């Protein structure tokens, strides 16, 4: 069976006790920790900055999967890499030059990811899909946790998988938004590599068990 990865989103954790959340993920079967960086410009909310990233890095030994929901992401690639990011994903619609941003991420030593919101055609990714390590398909609109999964995401994933095959791309496919125990199995069945789960993990009575069930669903 193809490898499955769960990336719990720290955005849904208790901000007053992020160290405990990091240690919980370290004990879990999740291989990645997803970190949403919001600037209050590209999206309405503001979340984690560099000092928090550095603190997370000290307490979490999993892959740090950093999702930049910020304008001009190319300006901050090096700083997020130094703060501990292993994977840096930026929004196509927030970058003036996606090709340059991908190059900067790779030059920093991080893996490069590109993402789009649900209202952006999947076709815009075609020029970049052979160059990135990861494509993140948003199944909600970026900027808020706890949103409901958009059902049209399934057809968009089918389109993305077809594009991957045509371009012979080996990039991972990640889905973020409204992921839970009810849809994790359907998503993994569509050849998805990584599921980001926030509320479904951190708001569950037993986050460790929830992660385990998602992987086995």
C-alpha atoms as a PDB file:
ATOM      1  CA  UNK A   1       0.000   0.000   0.000  1.00  0.00           C
ATOM      2  CA  UNK A   2       1.158   3.507  -0.812  1.00  0.00           C
ATOM      3  CA  UNK A   3       2.605   5.398   2.139  1.00  0.00           C
ATOM      4  CA  UNK A   4       0.176   7.685   3.936  1.00  0.00           C
ATOM      5  CA  UNK A   5       1.118  10.805   5.871  1.00  0.00           C
ATOM      6  CA  UNK A   6      -0.973  12.789   8.352  1.00  0.00           C
ATOM      7  CA  UNK A   7       0.110  16.374   9.038  1.00  0.00           C
ATOM      8  CA  UNK A   8      -1.799  17.769  12.031  1.00  0.00           C
ATOM      9  CA  UNK A   9      -2.298  21.515  11.747  1.00  0.00           C
ATOM     10  CA  UNK A  10      -0.968  23.449  14.717  1.00  0.00           C
ATOM     11  CA  UNK A  11      -3.488  26.207  13.961  1.00  0.00           C
ATOM     12  CA  UNK A  12      -6.100  24.111  15.808  1.00  0.00           C
ATOM     13  CA  UNK A  13      -3.941  23.489  18.882  1.00  0.00           C
ATOM     14  CA  UNK A  14      -4.106  25.348  22.184  1.00  0.00           C
ATOM     15  CA  UNK A  15      -1.936  28.429  21.544  1.00  0.00           C
ATOM     16  CA  UNK A  16      -1.322  28.754  25.272  1.00  0.00           C
ATOM     17  CA  UNK A  17       0.381  25.353  25.317  1.00  0.00           C
ATOM     18  CA  UNK A  18       2.097  24.813  21.963  1.00  0.00           C
ATOM     19  CA  UNK A  19       4.945  22.893  23.587  1.00  0.00           C
ATOM     20  CA  UNK A  20       2.483  20.251  24.776  1.00  0.00           C
ATOM     21  CA  UNK A  21       0.912  20.088  21.290  1.00  0.00           C
ATOM     22  CA  UNK A  22       4.338  19.574  19.704  1.00  0.00           C
ATOM     23  CA  UNK A  23       5.188  16.822  22.169  1.00  0.00           C
ATOM     24  CA  UNK A  24       1.852  15.145  21.476  1.00  0.00           C
ATOM     25  CA  UNK A  25       2.581  15.075  17.742  1.00  0.00           C
ATOM     26  CA  UNK A  26       6.047  13.682  18.458  1.00  0.00           C
ATOM     27  CA  UNK A  27       4.380  10.746  20.254  1.00  0.00           C
ATOM     28  CA  UNK A  28       1.896  10.165  17.453  1.00  0.00           C
ATOM     29  CA  UNK A  29       2.046   8.284  14.147  1.00  0.00           C
ATOM     30  CA  UNK A  30       1.925  11.600  12.270  1.00  0.00           C
ATOM     31  CA  UNK A  31       5.127  12.180  10.309  1.00  0.00           C
ATOM     32  CA  UNK A  32       4.643  15.903   9.669  1.00  0.00           C
ATOM     33  CA  UNK A  33       3.461  18.937  11.609  1.00  0.00           C
ATOM     34  CA  UNK A  34       1.622  21.504   9.476  1.00  0.00           C
ATOM     35  CA  UNK A  35       2.229  25.157  10.318  1.00  0.00           C
ATOM     36  CA  UNK A  36      -0.020  27.823   8.794  1.00  0.00           C
ATOM     37  CA  UNK A  37       1.643  31.221   8.489  1.00  0.00           C
ATOM     38  CA  UNK A  38      -0.850  34.071   7.914  1.00  0.00           C
ATOM     39  CA  UNK A  39      -0.037  37.731   7.404  1.00  0.00           C
ATOM     40  CA  UNK A  40      -3.393  39.506   7.691  1.00  0.00           C
ATOM     41  CA  UNK A  41      -3.029  40.665   4.070  1.00  0.00           C
ATOM     42  CA  UNK A  42      -3.300  37.634   1.784  1.00  0.00           C
ATOM     43  CA  UNK A  43      -5.724  36.180   4.332  1.00  0.00           C
ATOM     44  CA  UNK A  44      -7.641  38.107   7.038  1.00  0.00           C
ATOM     45  CA  UNK A  45      -6.064  36.360  10.016  1.00  0.00           C
ATOM     46  CA  UNK A  46      -2.569  36.570  11.508  1.00  0.00           C
ATOM     47  CA  UNK A  47      -0.883  33.507  13.020  1.00  0.00           C
ATOM     48  CA  UNK A  48       2.689  32.356  13.571  1.00  0.00           C
ATOM     49  CA  UNK A  49       5.883  34.346  13.004  1.00  0.00           C
ATOM     50  CA  UNK A  50       9.579  33.562  13.164  1.00  0.00           C
ATOM     51  CA  UNK A  51      10.021  33.442  16.987  1.00  0.00           C
ATOM     52  CA  UNK A  52       7.139  30.961  17.312  1.00  0.00           C
ATOM     53  CA  UNK A  53       8.566  28.867  14.469  1.00  0.00           C
ATOM     54  CA  UNK A  54      11.929  28.714  16.232  1.00  0.00           C
ATOM     55  CA  UNK A  55      10.232  27.622  19.462  1.00  0.00           C
ATOM     56  CA  UNK A  56       8.252  24.924  17.628  1.00  0.00           C
ATOM     57  CA  UNK A  57      11.448  23.603  16.087  1.00  0.00           C
ATOM     58  CA  UNK A  58      12.935  23.106  19.559  1.00  0.00           C
ATOM     59  CA  UNK A  59      10.025  20.984  20.751  1.00  0.00           C
ATOM     60  CA  UNK A  60       8.950  19.042  17.652  1.00  0.00           C
ATOM     61  CA  UNK A  61      11.117  16.486  15.910  1.00  0.00           C
ATOM     62  CA  UNK A  62       8.766  15.749  13.022  1.00  0.00           C
ATOM     63  CA  UNK A  63       8.963  17.281   9.545  1.00  0.00           C
ATOM     64  CA  UNK A  64       7.844  20.923   9.745  1.00  0.00           C
ATOM     65  CA  UNK A  65       5.472  21.500   6.836  1.00  0.00           C
ATOM     66  CA  UNK A  66       5.141  25.289   6.553  1.00  0.00           C
ATOM     67  CA  UNK A  67       2.255  26.752   4.550  1.00  0.00           C
ATOM     68  CA  UNK A  68       2.812  30.430   3.741  1.00  0.00           C
ATOM     69  CA  UNK A  69      -0.453  32.326   3.354  1.00  0.00           C
ATOM     70  CA  UNK A  70       1.369  35.597   2.815  1.00  0.00           C
ATOM     71  CA  UNK A  71       1.979  38.117   0.047  1.00  0.00           C
ATOM     72  CA  UNK A  72       5.420  38.182  -1.581  1.00  0.00           C
ATOM     73  CA  UNK A  73       6.472  34.859  -0.039  1.00  0.00           C
ATOM     74  CA  UNK A  74       9.819  35.013  -1.833  1.00  0.00           C
ATOM     75  CA  UNK A  75      10.953  37.704   0.624  1.00  0.00           C
ATOM     76  CA  UNK A  76      10.666  35.349   3.602  1.00  0.00           C
ATOM     77  CA  UNK A  77      11.862  31.983   2.309  1.00  0.00           C
ATOM     78  CA  UNK A  78      15.341  32.171   3.822  1.00  0.00           C
ATOM     79  CA  UNK A  79      14.068  33.306   7.216  1.00  0.00           C
ATOM     80  CA  UNK A  80      11.505  30.517   7.489  1.00  0.00           C
ATOM     81  CA  UNK A  81      14.111  27.978   6.459  1.00  0.00           C
ATOM     82  CA  UNK A  82      16.456  29.269   9.189  1.00  0.00           C
ATOM     83  CA  UNK A  83      13.571  29.151  11.682  1.00  0.00           C
ATOM     84  CA  UNK A  84      13.202  25.420  11.026  1.00  0.00           C
ATOM     85  CA  UNK A  85      10.960  24.848   7.996  1.00  0.00           C
ATOM     86  CA  UNK A  86      11.627  21.547   6.202  1.00  0.00           C
ATOM     87  CA  UNK A  87       8.952  22.127   3.542  1.00  0.00           C
ATOM     88  CA  UNK A  88       7.891  25.598   2.398  1.00  0.00           C
ATOM     89  CA  UNK A  89       4.657  25.895   0.429  1.00  0.00           C
ATOM     90  CA  UNK A  90       3.490  29.187  -1.081  1.00  0.00           C
ATOM     91  CA  UNK A  91       0.313  30.279  -2.852  1.00  0.00           C
ATOM     92  CA  UNK A  92       0.500  30.613  -6.622  1.00  0.00           C
ATOM     93  CA  UNK A  93      -1.851  33.585  -6.427  1.00  0.00           C
ATOM     94  CA  UNK A  94       0.372  35.381  -3.875  1.00  0.00           C
ATOM     95  CA  UNK A  95       3.653  35.136  -5.783  1.00  0.00           C
ATOM     96  CA  UNK A  96       4.749  37.539  -8.514  1.00  0.00           C
ATOM     97  CA  UNK A  97       7.056  34.910  -9.963  1.00  0.00           C
ATOM     98  CA  UNK A  98       6.270  31.318  -8.877  1.00  0.00           C
ATOM     99  CA  UNK A  99       9.224  29.877 -10.784  1.00  0.00           C
ATOM    100  CA  UNK A 100      11.631  32.167  -8.917  1.00  0.00           C
ATOM    101  CA  UNK A 101       9.970  31.385  -5.570  1.00  0.00           C
ATOM    102  CA  UNK A 102      10.364  27.639  -6.175  1.00  0.00           C
ATOM    103  CA  UNK A 103      14.005  28.173  -7.015  1.00  0.00           C
ATOM    104  CA  UNK A 104      14.601  30.242  -3.853  1.00  0.00           C
ATOM    105  CA  UNK A 105      12.994  27.569  -1.667  1.00  0.00           C
ATOM    106  CA  UNK A 106      15.154  24.836  -3.161  1.00  0.00           C
ATOM    107  CA  UNK A 107      18.278  26.964  -2.846  1.00  0.00           C
ATOM    108  CA  UNK A 108      17.499  27.433   0.859  1.00  0.00           C
ATOM    109  CA  UNK A 109      17.647  23.659   1.360  1.00  0.00           C
ATOM    110  CA  UNK A 110      13.934  23.198   1.989  1.00  0.00           C
ATOM    111  CA  UNK A 111      11.525  21.201  -0.144  1.00  0.00           C
ATOM    112  CA  UNK A 112       9.324  23.371  -2.344  1.00  0.00           C
ATOM    113  CA  UNK A 113       5.540  23.262  -2.432  1.00  0.00           C
ATOM    114  CA  UNK A 114       2.926  25.251  -4.362  1.00  0.00           C
ATOM    115  CA  UNK A 115      -0.743  25.641  -3.478  1.00  0.00           C
ATOM    116  CA  UNK A 116      -3.965  27.167  -4.781  1.00  0.00           C
ATOM    117  CA  UNK A 117      -7.313  28.126  -3.290  1.00  0.00           C
ATOM    118  CA  UNK A 118     -10.510  26.358  -4.421  1.00  0.00           C
ATOM    119  CA  UNK A 119     -11.429  29.147  -6.876  1.00  0.00           C
ATOM    120  CA  UNK A 120      -8.148  28.916  -8.812  1.00  0.00           C
ATOM    121  CA  UNK A 121      -8.102  26.525 -11.815  1.00  0.00           C
ATOM    122  CA  UNK A 122      -5.930  23.450 -11.287  1.00  0.00           C
ATOM    123  CA  UNK A 123      -4.502  24.058 -14.764  1.00  0.00           C
ATOM    124  CA  UNK A 124      -2.369  26.981 -13.493  1.00  0.00           C
ATOM    125  CA  UNK A 125      -0.147  24.424 -11.739  1.00  0.00           C
ATOM    126  CA  UNK A 126       0.920  22.649 -14.925  1.00  0.00           C
ATOM    127  CA  UNK A 127       4.058  24.747 -15.615  1.00  0.00           C
ATOM    128  CA  UNK A 128       5.376  24.028 -12.103  1.00  0.00           C
ATOM    129  CA  UNK A 129       4.273  20.486 -11.286  1.00  0.00           C
ATOM    130  CA  UNK A 130       7.525  18.914 -12.497  1.00  0.00           C
ATOM    131  CA  UNK A 131       9.665  21.334 -10.471  1.00  0.00           C
ATOM    132  CA  UNK A 132       8.037  21.195  -7.037  1.00  0.00           C
ATOM    133  CA  UNK A 133       8.285  18.514  -4.372  1.00  0.00           C
ATOM    134  CA  UNK A 134       4.704  19.043  -3.228  1.00  0.00           C
ATOM    135  CA  UNK A 135       1.357  20.320  -4.521  1.00  0.00           C
ATOM    136  CA  UNK A 136      -1.086  21.352  -1.814  1.00  0.00           C
ATOM    137  CA  UNK A 137      -4.694  21.489  -2.958  1.00  0.00           C
ATOM    138  CA  UNK A 138      -6.819  23.570  -0.618  1.00  0.00           C
ATOM    139  CA  UNK A 139     -10.202  21.972   0.092  1.00  0.00           C
ATOM    140  CA  UNK A 140     -11.355  25.128   1.915  1.00  0.00           C
ATOM    141  CA  UNK A 141     -10.398  28.763   1.435  1.00  0.00           C
ATOM    142  CA  UNK A 142      -7.118  29.617   3.135  1.00  0.00           C
ATOM    143  CA  UNK A 143      -7.183  31.641   6.307  1.00  0.00           C
ATOM    144  CA  UNK A 144      -9.514  29.955   8.802  1.00  0.00           C
ATOM    145  CA  UNK A 145      -9.503  26.665  10.667  1.00  0.00           C
ATOM    146  CA  UNK A 146     -12.561  24.464  11.113  1.00  0.00           C
ATOM    147  CA  UNK A 147     -14.164  25.024   7.682  1.00  0.00           C
ATOM    148  CA  UNK A 148     -16.292  22.415   5.916  1.00  0.00           C
ATOM    149  CA  UNK A 149     -14.660  20.319   3.194  1.00  0.00           C
ATOM    150  CA  UNK A 150     -15.593  21.487  -0.341  1.00  0.00           C
ATOM    151  CA  UNK A 151     -16.890  18.448  -2.229  1.00  0.00           C
ATOM    152  CA  UNK A 152     -15.686  19.729  -5.619  1.00  0.00           C
ATOM    153  CA  UNK A 153     -12.177  19.002  -4.332  1.00  0.00           C
ATOM    154  CA  UNK A 154     -12.537  15.367  -5.463  1.00  0.00           C
ATOM    155  CA  UNK A 155     -12.858  16.299  -9.131  1.00  0.00           C
ATOM    156  CA  UNK A 156      -9.993  18.785  -8.768  1.00  0.00           C
ATOM    157  CA  UNK A 157      -7.836  16.009  -7.325  1.00  0.00           C
ATOM    158  CA  UNK A 158      -8.671  13.788 -10.275  1.00  0.00           C
ATOM    159  CA  UNK A 159      -7.594  16.601 -12.608  1.00  0.00           C
ATOM    160  CA  UNK A 160      -4.366  17.093 -10.651  1.00  0.00           C
ATOM    161  CA  UNK A 161      -3.568  13.382 -10.728  1.00  0.00           C
ATOM    162  CA  UNK A 162      -4.101  13.347 -14.489  1.00  0.00           C
ATOM    163  CA  UNK A 163      -1.738  16.290 -14.844  1.00  0.00           C
ATOM    164  CA  UNK A 164       0.866  14.542 -12.709  1.00  0.00           C
ATOM    165  CA  UNK A 165       0.680  11.494 -14.947  1.00  0.00           C
ATOM    166  CA  UNK A 166       0.973  13.513 -18.161  1.00  0.00           C
ATOM    167  CA  UNK A 167       3.945  15.481 -16.876  1.00  0.00           C
ATOM    168  CA  UNK A 168       5.506  12.422 -15.217  1.00  0.00           C
ATOM    169  CA  UNK A 169       5.784  14.370 -11.985  1.00  0.00           C
ATOM    170  CA  UNK A 170       6.834  12.647  -8.774  1.00  0.00           C
ATOM    171  CA  UNK A 171       5.606  15.447  -6.485  1.00  0.00           C
ATOM    172  CA  UNK A 172       3.567  14.581  -3.405  1.00  0.00           C
ATOM    173  CA  UNK A 173      -0.080  15.668  -3.281  1.00  0.00           C
ATOM    174  CA  UNK A 174      -1.405  17.170  -0.061  1.00  0.00           C
ATOM    175  CA  UNK A 175      -4.965  18.180   0.856  1.00  0.00           C
ATOM    176  CA  UNK A 176      -5.787  20.794   3.493  1.00  0.00           C
ATOM    177  CA  UNK A 177      -9.172  21.803   4.859  1.00  0.00           C
ATOM    178  CA  UNK A 178     -12.097  19.980   6.447  1.00  0.00           C
ATOM    179  CA  UNK A 179     -10.246  16.657   6.596  1.00  0.00           C
ATOM    180  CA  UNK A 180     -11.653  14.229   9.145  1.00  0.00           C
ATOM    181  CA  UNK A 181     -12.321  10.544   9.817  1.00  0.00           C
ATOM    182  CA  UNK A 182     -15.319  10.593   7.485  1.00  0.00           C
ATOM    183  CA  UNK A 183     -13.403  11.617   4.355  1.00  0.00           C
ATOM    184  CA  UNK A 184      -9.796  10.575   5.018  1.00  0.00           C
ATOM    185  CA  UNK A 185     -10.303   7.156   3.422  1.00  0.00           C
ATOM    186  CA  UNK A 186     -11.862   8.621   0.264  1.00  0.00           C
ATOM    187  CA  UNK A 187      -8.982  11.066  -0.064  1.00  0.00           C
ATOM    188  CA  UNK A 188      -6.263   8.485   0.405  1.00  0.00           C
ATOM    189  CA  UNK A 189      -8.068   6.302  -2.152  1.00  0.00           C
ATOM    190  CA  UNK A 190      -7.541   9.088  -4.715  1.00  0.00           C
ATOM    191  CA  UNK A 191      -3.782   8.634  -4.559  1.00  0.00           C
ATOM    192  CA  UNK A 192      -3.258  11.458  -2.068  1.00  0.00           C
ATOM    193  CA  UNK A 193      -0.017  11.330  -0.094  1.00  0.00           C
ATOM    194  CA  UNK A 194      -0.580  13.807   2.752  1.00  0.00           C
ATOM    195  CA  UNK A 195      -3.678  14.904   4.666  1.00  0.00           C
ATOM    196  CA  UNK A 196      -3.631  18.023   6.808  1.00  0.00           C
ATOM    197  CA  UNK A 197      -6.009  17.676   9.751  1.00  0.00           C
ATOM    198  CA  UNK A 198      -6.488  20.392  12.337  1.00  0.00           C
ATOM    199  CA  UNK A 199      -9.762  20.404  14.277  1.00  0.00           C
ATOM    200  CA  UNK A 200     -10.295  16.682  13.644  1.00  0.00           C
ATOM    201  CA  UNK A 201      -7.078  15.934  15.545  1.00  0.00           C
ATOM    202  CA  UNK A 202      -6.689  18.588  18.211  1.00  0.00           C
ATOM    203  CA  UNK A 203     -10.395  18.802  19.112  1.00  0.00           C
ATOM    204  CA  UNK A 204     -10.828  15.045  19.396  1.00  0.00           C
ATOM    205  CA  UNK A 205     -10.972  13.300  22.797  1.00  0.00           C
ATOM    206  CA  UNK A 206      -7.940  11.205  21.816  1.00  0.00           C
ATOM    207  CA  UNK A 207      -5.757  12.882  19.156  1.00  0.00           C
ATOM    208  CA  UNK A 208      -3.299   9.970  19.011  1.00  0.00           C
ATOM    209  CA  UNK A 209      -6.090   7.492  18.296  1.00  0.00           C
ATOM    210  CA  UNK A 210      -7.647   9.813  15.708  1.00  0.00           C
ATOM    211  CA  UNK A 211      -4.371  10.087  13.806  1.00  0.00           C
ATOM    212  CA  UNK A 212      -3.954   6.317  13.901  1.00  0.00           C
ATOM    213  CA  UNK A 213      -7.499   5.743  12.621  1.00  0.00           C
ATOM    214  CA  UNK A 214      -7.006   8.230   9.782  1.00  0.00           C
ATOM    215  CA  UNK A 215      -3.939   6.374   8.614  1.00  0.00           C
ATOM    216  CA  UNK A 216      -5.766   3.064   8.649  1.00  0.00           C
ATOM    217  CA  UNK A 217      -9.136   4.181   7.264  1.00  0.00           C
END
